[in-house]
């Protein structure tokens, strides 16, 4: 795994989350195999948790699906396809 590509992918996605949630976004936490440098592109996934104030609304959920769609479609490379959030 190339660290620069990983950093760019995560920075881009975190930036989108920041713009989407604004002040409601408290933190984005990366966890799982990537934290132990054991990520296998194309096999594993990039696990993250976005912590926000309040509950997700249906509008939030729909917006997140649209936000993530280009990543899942491969527009941001194999690492973008691997984003799995909670």
PDB file of N, CA and C in Angstrom:
ATOM      1  N   UNK A   1       0.854  -1.168   0.000  1.00  0.00           N
ATOM      2  CA  UNK A   1       0.000   0.000   0.000  1.00  0.00           C
ATOM      3  C   UNK A   1       0.900   1.231   0.000  1.00  0.00           C
ATOM      4  N   UNK A   2       0.559   2.190  -0.788  1.00  0.00           N
ATOM      5  CA  UNK A   2       1.329   3.419  -0.880  1.00  0.00           C
ATOM      6  C   UNK A   2       0.766   4.440   0.111  1.00  0.00           C
ATOM      7  N   UNK A   3       1.589   4.866   1.054  1.00  0.00           N
ATOM      8  CA  UNK A   3       1.136   5.747   2.138  1.00  0.00           C
ATOM      9  C   UNK A   3       0.607   7.084   1.619  1.00  0.00           C
ATOM     10  N   UNK A   4       1.221   7.633   0.581  1.00  0.00           N
ATOM     11  CA  UNK A   4       0.771   8.917   0.046  1.00  0.00           C
ATOM     12  C   UNK A   4      -0.622   8.794  -0.574  1.00  0.00           C
ATOM     13  N   UNK A   5      -0.852   7.723  -1.309  1.00  0.00           N
ATOM     14  CA  UNK A   5      -2.174   7.500  -1.905  1.00  0.00           C
ATOM     15  C   UNK A   5      -3.225   7.319  -0.811  1.00  0.00           C
ATOM     16  N   UNK A   6      -2.883   6.592   0.233  1.00  0.00           N
ATOM     17  CA  UNK A   6      -3.793   6.395   1.358  1.00  0.00           C
ATOM     18  C   UNK A   6      -4.115   7.731   2.021  1.00  0.00           C
ATOM     19  N   UNK A   7      -3.101   8.527   2.269  1.00  0.00           N
ATOM     20  CA  UNK A   7      -3.287   9.825   2.905  1.00  0.00           C
ATOM     21  C   UNK A   7      -4.179  10.728   2.052  1.00  0.00           C
ATOM     22  N   UNK A   8      -3.950  10.762   0.761  1.00  0.00           N
ATOM     23  CA  UNK A   8      -4.764  11.592  -0.134  1.00  0.00           C
ATOM     24  C   UNK A   8      -6.222  11.141  -0.139  1.00  0.00           C
ATOM     25  N   UNK A   9      -6.438   9.847  -0.200  1.00  0.00           N
ATOM     26  CA  UNK A   9      -7.801   9.307  -0.218  1.00  0.00           C
ATOM     27  C   UNK A   9      -8.530   9.659   1.070  1.00  0.00           C
ATOM     28  N   UNK A  10      -7.883   9.437   2.197  1.00  0.00           N
ATOM     29  CA  UNK A  10      -8.507   9.717   3.493  1.00  0.00           C
ATOM     30  C   UNK A  10      -8.714  11.211   3.702  1.00  0.00           C
ATOM     31  N   UNK A  11      -7.739  12.027   3.319  1.00  0.00           N
ATOM     32  CA  UNK A  11      -7.888  13.481   3.456  1.00  0.00           C
ATOM     33  C   UNK A  11      -9.053  13.994   2.609  1.00  0.00           C
ATOM     34  N   UNK A  12      -9.153  13.486   1.389  1.00  0.00           N
ATOM     35  CA  UNK A  12     -10.234  13.915   0.500  1.00  0.00           C
ATOM     36  C   UNK A  12     -11.592  13.535   1.093  1.00  0.00           C
ATOM     37  N   UNK A  13     -11.719  12.297   1.532  1.00  0.00           N
ATOM     38  CA  UNK A  13     -12.995  11.843   2.075  1.00  0.00           C
ATOM     39  C   UNK A  13     -13.337  12.573   3.371  1.00  0.00           C
ATOM     40  N   UNK A  14     -12.349  12.764   4.246  1.00  0.00           N
ATOM     41  CA  UNK A  14     -12.592  13.489   5.498  1.00  0.00           C
ATOM     42  C   UNK A  14     -13.004  14.932   5.211  1.00  0.00           C
ATOM     43  N   UNK A  15     -12.420  15.534   4.198  1.00  0.00           N
ATOM     44  CA  UNK A  15     -12.813  16.883   3.809  1.00  0.00           C
ATOM     45  C   UNK A  15     -14.254  16.952   3.333  1.00  0.00           C
ATOM     46  N   UNK A  16     -14.660  15.951   2.577  1.00  0.00           N
ATOM     47  CA  UNK A  16     -16.057  15.882   2.131  1.00  0.00           C
ATOM     48  C   UNK A  16     -16.997  15.714   3.313  1.00  0.00           C
ATOM     49  N   UNK A  17     -16.606  14.874   4.266  1.00  0.00           N
ATOM     50  CA  UNK A  17     -17.424  14.705   5.463  1.00  0.00           C
ATOM     51  C   UNK A  17     -17.527  16.012   6.237  1.00  0.00           C
ATOM     52  N   UNK A  18     -16.408  16.742   6.330  1.00  0.00           N
ATOM     53  CA  UNK A  18     -16.411  18.017   7.051  1.00  0.00           C
ATOM     54  C   UNK A  18     -17.364  19.005   6.388  1.00  0.00           C
ATOM     55  N   UNK A  19     -17.312  19.096   5.066  1.00  0.00           N
ATOM     56  CA  UNK A  19     -18.217  20.014   4.365  1.00  0.00           C
ATOM     57  C   UNK A  19     -19.669  19.560   4.484  1.00  0.00           C
ATOM     58  N   UNK A  20     -19.891  18.259   4.450  1.00  0.00           N
ATOM     59  CA  UNK A  20     -21.249  17.717   4.527  1.00  0.00           C
ATOM     60  C   UNK A  20     -21.876  17.983   5.893  1.00  0.00           C
ATOM     61  N   UNK A  21     -21.147  17.650   6.962  1.00  0.00           N
ATOM     62  CA  UNK A  21     -21.691  17.781   8.317  1.00  0.00           C
ATOM     63  C   UNK A  21     -21.445  19.154   8.940  1.00  0.00           C
ATOM     64  N   UNK A  22     -20.436  19.866   8.478  1.00  0.00           N
ATOM     65  CA  UNK A  22     -20.114  21.170   9.067  1.00  0.00           C
ATOM     66  C   UNK A  22     -19.760  21.032  10.535  1.00  0.00           C
ATOM     67  N   UNK A  23     -20.323  21.917  11.349  1.00  0.00           N
ATOM     68  CA  UNK A  23     -20.027  21.934  12.782  1.00  0.00           C
ATOM     69  C   UNK A  23     -20.523  20.694  13.524  1.00  0.00           C
ATOM     70  N   UNK A  24     -21.380  19.911  12.889  1.00  0.00           N
ATOM     71  CA  UNK A  24     -21.891  18.692  13.541  1.00  0.00           C
ATOM     72  C   UNK A  24     -20.829  17.600  13.626  1.00  0.00           C
ATOM     73  N   UNK A  25     -19.817  17.650  12.757  1.00  0.00           N
ATOM     74  CA  UNK A  25     -18.773  16.620  12.755  1.00  0.00           C
ATOM     75  C   UNK A  25     -17.800  16.868  13.894  1.00  0.00           C
ATOM     76  N   UNK A  26     -17.695  15.899  14.779  1.00  0.00           N
ATOM     77  CA  UNK A  26     -16.791  16.001  15.920  1.00  0.00           C
ATOM     78  C   UNK A  26     -15.451  15.333  15.654  1.00  0.00           C
ATOM     79  N   UNK A  27     -15.486  14.184  14.960  1.00  0.00           N
ATOM     80  CA  UNK A  27     -14.263  13.421  14.757  1.00  0.00           C
ATOM     81  C   UNK A  27     -14.468  12.378  13.663  1.00  0.00           C
ATOM     82  N   UNK A  28     -13.377  12.033  12.996  1.00  0.00           N
ATOM     83  CA  UNK A  28     -13.356  10.896  12.082  1.00  0.00           C
ATOM     84  C   UNK A  28     -12.235   9.997  12.569  1.00  0.00           C
ATOM     85  N   UNK A  29     -12.588   8.769  12.918  1.00  0.00           N
ATOM     86  CA  UNK A  29     -11.642   7.824  13.494  1.00  0.00           C
ATOM     87  C   UNK A  29     -11.393   6.689  12.506  1.00  0.00           C
ATOM     88  N   UNK A  30     -10.145   6.441  12.218  1.00  0.00           N
ATOM     89  CA  UNK A  30      -9.748   5.329  11.368  1.00  0.00           C
ATOM     90  C   UNK A  30      -9.372   4.163  12.266  1.00  0.00           C
ATOM     91  N   UNK A  31      -9.855   2.984  11.928  1.00  0.00           N
ATOM     92  CA  UNK A  31      -9.537   1.809  12.750  1.00  0.00           C
ATOM     93  C   UNK A  31      -9.412   0.582  11.872  1.00  0.00           C
ATOM     94  N   UNK A  32      -9.037  -0.517  12.442  1.00  0.00           N
ATOM     95  CA  UNK A  32      -8.924  -1.772  11.699  1.00  0.00           C
ATOM     96  C   UNK A  32      -7.518  -2.023  11.184  1.00  0.00           C
ATOM     97  N   UNK A  33      -7.444  -2.843  10.151  1.00  0.00           N
ATOM     98  CA  UNK A  33      -6.158  -3.332   9.649  1.00  0.00           C
ATOM     99  C   UNK A  33      -5.226  -2.225   9.179  1.00  0.00           C
ATOM    100  N   UNK A  34      -5.765  -1.131   8.666  1.00  0.00           N
ATOM    101  CA  UNK A  34      -4.900  -0.045   8.192  1.00  0.00           C
ATOM    102  C   UNK A  34      -4.073   0.544   9.333  1.00  0.00           C
ATOM    103  N   UNK A  35      -4.582   0.519  10.534  1.00  0.00           N
ATOM    104  CA  UNK A  35      -3.855   1.053  11.692  1.00  0.00           C
ATOM    105  C   UNK A  35      -2.667   0.183  12.074  1.00  0.00           C
ATOM    106  N   UNK A  36      -2.691  -1.055  11.635  1.00  0.00           N
ATOM    107  CA  UNK A  36      -1.607  -1.991  11.944  1.00  0.00           C
ATOM    108  C   UNK A  36      -0.742  -2.254  10.716  1.00  0.00           C
ATOM    109  N   UNK A  37      -0.912  -1.369   9.702  1.00  0.00           N
ATOM    110  CA  UNK A  37      -0.183  -1.491   8.440  1.00  0.00           C
ATOM    111  C   UNK A  37      -0.361  -2.873   7.833  1.00  0.00           C
ATOM    112  N   UNK A  38      -1.580  -3.389   7.919  1.00  0.00           N
ATOM    113  CA  UNK A  38      -1.892  -4.729   7.430  1.00  0.00           C
ATOM    114  C   UNK A  38      -3.023  -4.682   6.397  1.00  0.00           C
ATOM    115  N   UNK A  39      -3.191  -3.555   5.738  1.00  0.00           N
ATOM    116  CA  UNK A  39      -4.258  -3.391   4.756  1.00  0.00           C
ATOM    117  C   UNK A  39      -3.833  -4.013   3.436  1.00  0.00           C
ATOM    118  N   UNK A  40      -4.709  -4.800   2.860  1.00  0.00           N
ATOM    119  CA  UNK A  40      -4.450  -5.428   1.569  1.00  0.00           C
ATOM    120  C   UNK A  40      -5.406  -4.825   0.538  1.00  0.00           C
ATOM    121  N   UNK A  41      -4.932  -3.840  -0.276  1.00  0.00           N
ATOM    122  CA  UNK A  41      -5.816  -3.226  -1.271  1.00  0.00           C
ATOM    123  C   UNK A  41      -6.489  -4.264  -2.168  1.00  0.00           C
ATOM    124  N   UNK A  42      -7.770  -4.090  -2.337  1.00  0.00           N
ATOM    125  CA  UNK A  42      -8.550  -5.029  -3.145  1.00  0.00           C
ATOM    126  C   UNK A  42      -9.092  -6.195  -2.348  1.00  0.00           C
ATOM    127  N   UNK A  43      -8.624  -6.338  -1.111  1.00  0.00           N
ATOM    128  CA  UNK A  43      -9.065  -7.456  -0.280  1.00  0.00           C
ATOM    129  C   UNK A  43      -9.793  -6.970   0.967  1.00  0.00           C
ATOM    130  N   UNK A  44      -9.169  -6.058   1.695  1.00  0.00           N
ATOM    131  CA  UNK A  44      -9.734  -5.565   2.948  1.00  0.00           C
ATOM    132  C   UNK A  44     -10.583  -4.331   2.719  1.00  0.00           C
ATOM    133  N   UNK A  45     -10.732  -3.538   3.767  1.00  0.00           N
ATOM    134  CA  UNK A  45     -11.455  -2.284   3.641  1.00  0.00           C
ATOM    135  C   UNK A  45     -10.842  -1.257   4.581  1.00  0.00           C
ATOM    136  N   UNK A  46     -11.192   0.004   4.337  1.00  0.00           N
ATOM    137  CA  UNK A  46     -10.755   1.111   5.177  1.00  0.00           C
ATOM    138  C   UNK A  46     -11.894   1.430   6.126  1.00  0.00           C
ATOM    139  N   UNK A  47     -11.741   1.043   7.362  1.00  0.00           N
ATOM    140  CA  UNK A  47     -12.787   1.231   8.357  1.00  0.00           C
ATOM    141  C   UNK A  47     -12.654   2.599   9.004  1.00  0.00           C
ATOM    142  N   UNK A  48     -13.758   3.333   9.038  1.00  0.00           N
ATOM    143  CA  UNK A  48     -13.753   4.615   9.718  1.00  0.00           C
ATOM    144  C   UNK A  48     -15.074   4.799  10.440  1.00  0.00           C
ATOM    145  N   UNK A  49     -15.036   5.669  11.420  1.00  0.00           N
ATOM    146  CA  UNK A  49     -16.221   6.034  12.184  1.00  0.00           C
ATOM    147  C   UNK A  49     -16.295   7.548  12.200  1.00  0.00           C
ATOM    148  N   UNK A  50     -17.406   8.102  11.728  1.00  0.00           N
ATOM    149  CA  UNK A  50     -17.635   9.546  11.791  1.00  0.00           C
ATOM    150  C   UNK A  50     -18.516   9.812  13.006  1.00  0.00           C
ATOM    151  N   UNK A  51     -18.019  10.633  13.910  1.00  0.00           N
ATOM    152  CA  UNK A  51     -18.744  10.978  15.132  1.00  0.00           C
ATOM    153  C   UNK A  51     -19.337  12.369  14.936  1.00  0.00           C
ATOM    154  N   UNK A  52     -20.666  12.459  15.089  1.00  0.00           N
ATOM    155  CA  UNK A  52     -21.353  13.735  14.905  1.00  0.00           C
ATOM    156  C   UNK A  52     -22.226  14.029  16.118  1.00  0.00           C
ATOM    157  N   UNK A  53     -22.638  15.274  16.223  1.00  0.00           N
ATOM    158  CA  UNK A  53     -23.624  15.620  17.237  1.00  0.00           C
ATOM    159  C   UNK A  53     -24.997  15.257  16.691  1.00  0.00           C
ATOM    160  N   UNK A  54     -25.873  14.811  17.551  1.00  0.00           N
ATOM    161  CA  UNK A  54     -27.230  14.475  17.137  1.00  0.00           C
ATOM    162  C   UNK A  54     -27.301  13.151  16.398  1.00  0.00           C
ATOM    163  N   UNK A  55     -28.474  12.876  15.894  1.00  0.00           N
ATOM    164  CA  UNK A  55     -28.732  11.638  15.159  1.00  0.00           C
ATOM    165  C   UNK A  55     -28.706  11.891  13.665  1.00  0.00           C
ATOM    166  N   UNK A  56     -28.436  10.844  12.905  1.00  0.00           N
ATOM    167  CA  UNK A  56     -28.514  10.941  11.450  1.00  0.00           C
ATOM    168  C   UNK A  56     -29.977  10.990  11.033  1.00  0.00           C
ATOM    169  N   UNK A  57     -30.280  11.895  10.144  1.00  0.00           N
ATOM    170  CA  UNK A  57     -31.630  11.967   9.585  1.00  0.00           C
ATOM    171  C   UNK A  57     -31.658  11.178   8.277  1.00  0.00           C
ATOM    172  N   UNK A  58     -32.835  10.999   7.724  1.00  0.00           N
ATOM    173  CA  UNK A  58     -32.945  10.350   6.415  1.00  0.00           C
ATOM    174  C   UNK A  58     -32.224  11.183   5.364  1.00  0.00           C
ATOM    175  N   UNK A  59     -32.307  12.505   5.472  1.00  0.00           N
ATOM    176  CA  UNK A  59     -31.603  13.387   4.541  1.00  0.00           C
ATOM    177  C   UNK A  59     -30.093  13.170   4.653  1.00  0.00           C
ATOM    178  N   UNK A  60     -29.582  13.040   5.883  1.00  0.00           N
ATOM    179  CA  UNK A  60     -28.161  12.757   6.093  1.00  0.00           C
ATOM    180  C   UNK A  60     -27.769  11.435   5.435  1.00  0.00           C
ATOM    181  N   UNK A  61     -28.551  10.413   5.688  1.00  0.00           N
ATOM    182  CA  UNK A  61     -28.242   9.085   5.164  1.00  0.00           C
ATOM    183  C   UNK A  61     -28.214   9.094   3.643  1.00  0.00           C
ATOM    184  N   UNK A  62     -29.211   9.698   3.037  1.00  0.00           N
ATOM    185  CA  UNK A  62     -29.256   9.787   1.578  1.00  0.00           C
ATOM    186  C   UNK A  62     -28.062  10.585   1.058  1.00  0.00           C
ATOM    187  N   UNK A  63     -27.751  11.691   1.719  1.00  0.00           N
ATOM    188  CA  UNK A  63     -26.613  12.509   1.313  1.00  0.00           C
ATOM    189  C   UNK A  63     -25.296  11.762   1.400  1.00  0.00           C
ATOM    190  N   UNK A  64     -25.125  10.960   2.432  1.00  0.00           N
ATOM    191  CA  UNK A  64     -23.901  10.171   2.585  1.00  0.00           C
ATOM    192  C   UNK A  64     -23.770   9.116   1.498  1.00  0.00           C
ATOM    193  N   UNK A  65     -24.877   8.508   1.113  1.00  0.00           N
ATOM    194  CA  UNK A  65     -24.854   7.529   0.017  1.00  0.00           C
ATOM    195  C   UNK A  65     -24.368   8.210  -1.262  1.00  0.00           C
ATOM    196  N   UNK A  66     -24.878   9.391  -1.543  1.00  0.00           N
ATOM    197  CA  UNK A  66     -24.467  10.129  -2.738  1.00  0.00           C
ATOM    198  C   UNK A  66     -23.009  10.580  -2.636  1.00  0.00           C
ATOM    199  N   UNK A  67     -22.593  10.983  -1.453  1.00  0.00           N
ATOM    200  CA  UNK A  67     -21.221  11.419  -1.234  1.00  0.00           C
ATOM    201  C   UNK A  67     -20.232  10.287  -1.482  1.00  0.00           C
ATOM    202  N   UNK A  68     -20.604   9.106  -1.098  1.00  0.00           N
ATOM    203  CA  UNK A  68     -19.709   7.945  -1.189  1.00  0.00           C
ATOM    204  C   UNK A  68     -19.745   7.273  -2.559  1.00  0.00           C
ATOM    205  N   UNK A  69     -20.793   7.510  -3.320  1.00  0.00           N
ATOM    206  CA  UNK A  69     -20.983   6.822  -4.601  1.00  0.00           C
ATOM    207  C   UNK A  69     -19.766   6.912  -5.534  1.00  0.00           C
ATOM    208  N   UNK A  70     -19.160   8.101  -5.737  1.00  0.00           N
ATOM    209  CA  UNK A  70     -17.986   8.155  -6.621  1.00  0.00           C
ATOM    210  C   UNK A  70     -16.815   7.311  -6.112  1.00  0.00           C
ATOM    211  N   UNK A  71     -16.676   7.210  -4.812  1.00  0.00           N
ATOM    212  CA  UNK A  71     -15.613   6.374  -4.247  1.00  0.00           C
ATOM    213  C   UNK A  71     -15.882   4.907  -4.559  1.00  0.00           C
ATOM    214  N   UNK A  72     -17.105   4.468  -4.319  1.00  0.00           N
ATOM    215  CA  UNK A  72     -17.460   3.067  -4.559  1.00  0.00           C
ATOM    216  C   UNK A  72     -17.379   2.711  -6.041  1.00  0.00           C
ATOM    217  N   UNK A  73     -17.578   3.703  -6.912  1.00  0.00           N
ATOM    218  CA  UNK A  73     -17.520   3.481  -8.360  1.00  0.00           C
ATOM    219  C   UNK A  73     -16.080   3.434  -8.879  1.00  0.00           C
ATOM    220  N   UNK A  74     -15.119   3.703  -8.012  1.00  0.00           N
ATOM    221  CA  UNK A  74     -13.724   3.619  -8.413  1.00  0.00           C
ATOM    222  C   UNK A  74     -13.131   4.922  -8.908  1.00  0.00           C
ATOM    223  N   UNK A  75     -13.862   6.026  -8.773  1.00  0.00           N
ATOM    224  CA  UNK A  75     -13.368   7.314  -9.254  1.00  0.00           C
ATOM    225  C   UNK A  75     -12.191   7.836  -8.441  1.00  0.00           C
ATOM    226  N   UNK A  76     -11.940   7.250  -7.294  1.00  0.00           N
ATOM    227  CA  UNK A  76     -10.831   7.678  -6.435  1.00  0.00           C
ATOM    228  C   UNK A  76      -9.884   6.508  -6.163  1.00  0.00           C
ATOM    229  N   UNK A  77      -9.803   5.591  -7.102  1.00  0.00           N
ATOM    230  CA  UNK A  77      -8.873   4.472  -6.999  1.00  0.00           C
ATOM    231  C   UNK A  77      -9.364   3.353  -6.104  1.00  0.00           C
ATOM    232  N   UNK A  78      -8.524   2.341  -6.004  1.00  0.00           N
ATOM    233  CA  UNK A  78      -8.872   1.135  -5.245  1.00  0.00           C
ATOM    234  C   UNK A  78      -9.076   1.451  -3.763  1.00  0.00           C
ATOM    235  N   UNK A  79      -8.296   2.374  -3.215  1.00  0.00           N
ATOM    236  CA  UNK A  79      -8.458   2.702  -1.801  1.00  0.00           C
ATOM    237  C   UNK A  79      -9.785   3.397  -1.528  1.00  0.00           C
ATOM    238  N   UNK A  80     -10.219   4.231  -2.443  1.00  0.00           N
ATOM    239  CA  UNK A  80     -11.520   4.870  -2.305  1.00  0.00           C
ATOM    240  C   UNK A  80     -12.654   3.863  -2.310  1.00  0.00           C
ATOM    241  N   UNK A  81     -12.501   2.828  -3.111  1.00  0.00           N
ATOM    242  CA  UNK A  81     -13.511   1.769  -3.157  1.00  0.00           C
ATOM    243  C   UNK A  81     -13.593   1.005  -1.845  1.00  0.00           C
ATOM    244  N   UNK A  82     -12.548   1.050  -1.070  1.00  0.00           N
ATOM    245  CA  UNK A  82     -12.455   0.253   0.147  1.00  0.00           C
ATOM    246  C   UNK A  82     -13.032   0.947   1.376  1.00  0.00           C
ATOM    247  N   UNK A  83     -13.514   2.185   1.242  1.00  0.00           N
ATOM    248  CA  UNK A  83     -14.063   2.914   2.393  1.00  0.00           C
ATOM    249  C   UNK A  83     -15.308   2.229   2.932  1.00  0.00           C
ATOM    250  N   UNK A  84     -15.295   1.940   4.206  1.00  0.00           N
ATOM    251  CA  UNK A  84     -16.432   1.319   4.899  1.00  0.00           C
ATOM    252  C   UNK A  84     -16.640   2.075   6.199  1.00  0.00           C
ATOM    253  N   UNK A  85     -17.756   2.762   6.324  1.00  0.00           N
ATOM    254  CA  UNK A  85     -17.917   3.601   7.497  1.00  0.00           C
ATOM    255  C   UNK A  85     -19.074   3.245   8.393  1.00  0.00           C
ATOM    256  N   UNK A  86     -19.024   3.800   9.565  1.00  0.00           N
ATOM    257  CA  UNK A  86     -20.075   3.625  10.541  1.00  0.00           C
ATOM    258  C   UNK A  86     -20.407   4.930  11.210  1.00  0.00           C
TER     259      UNK A  86
END
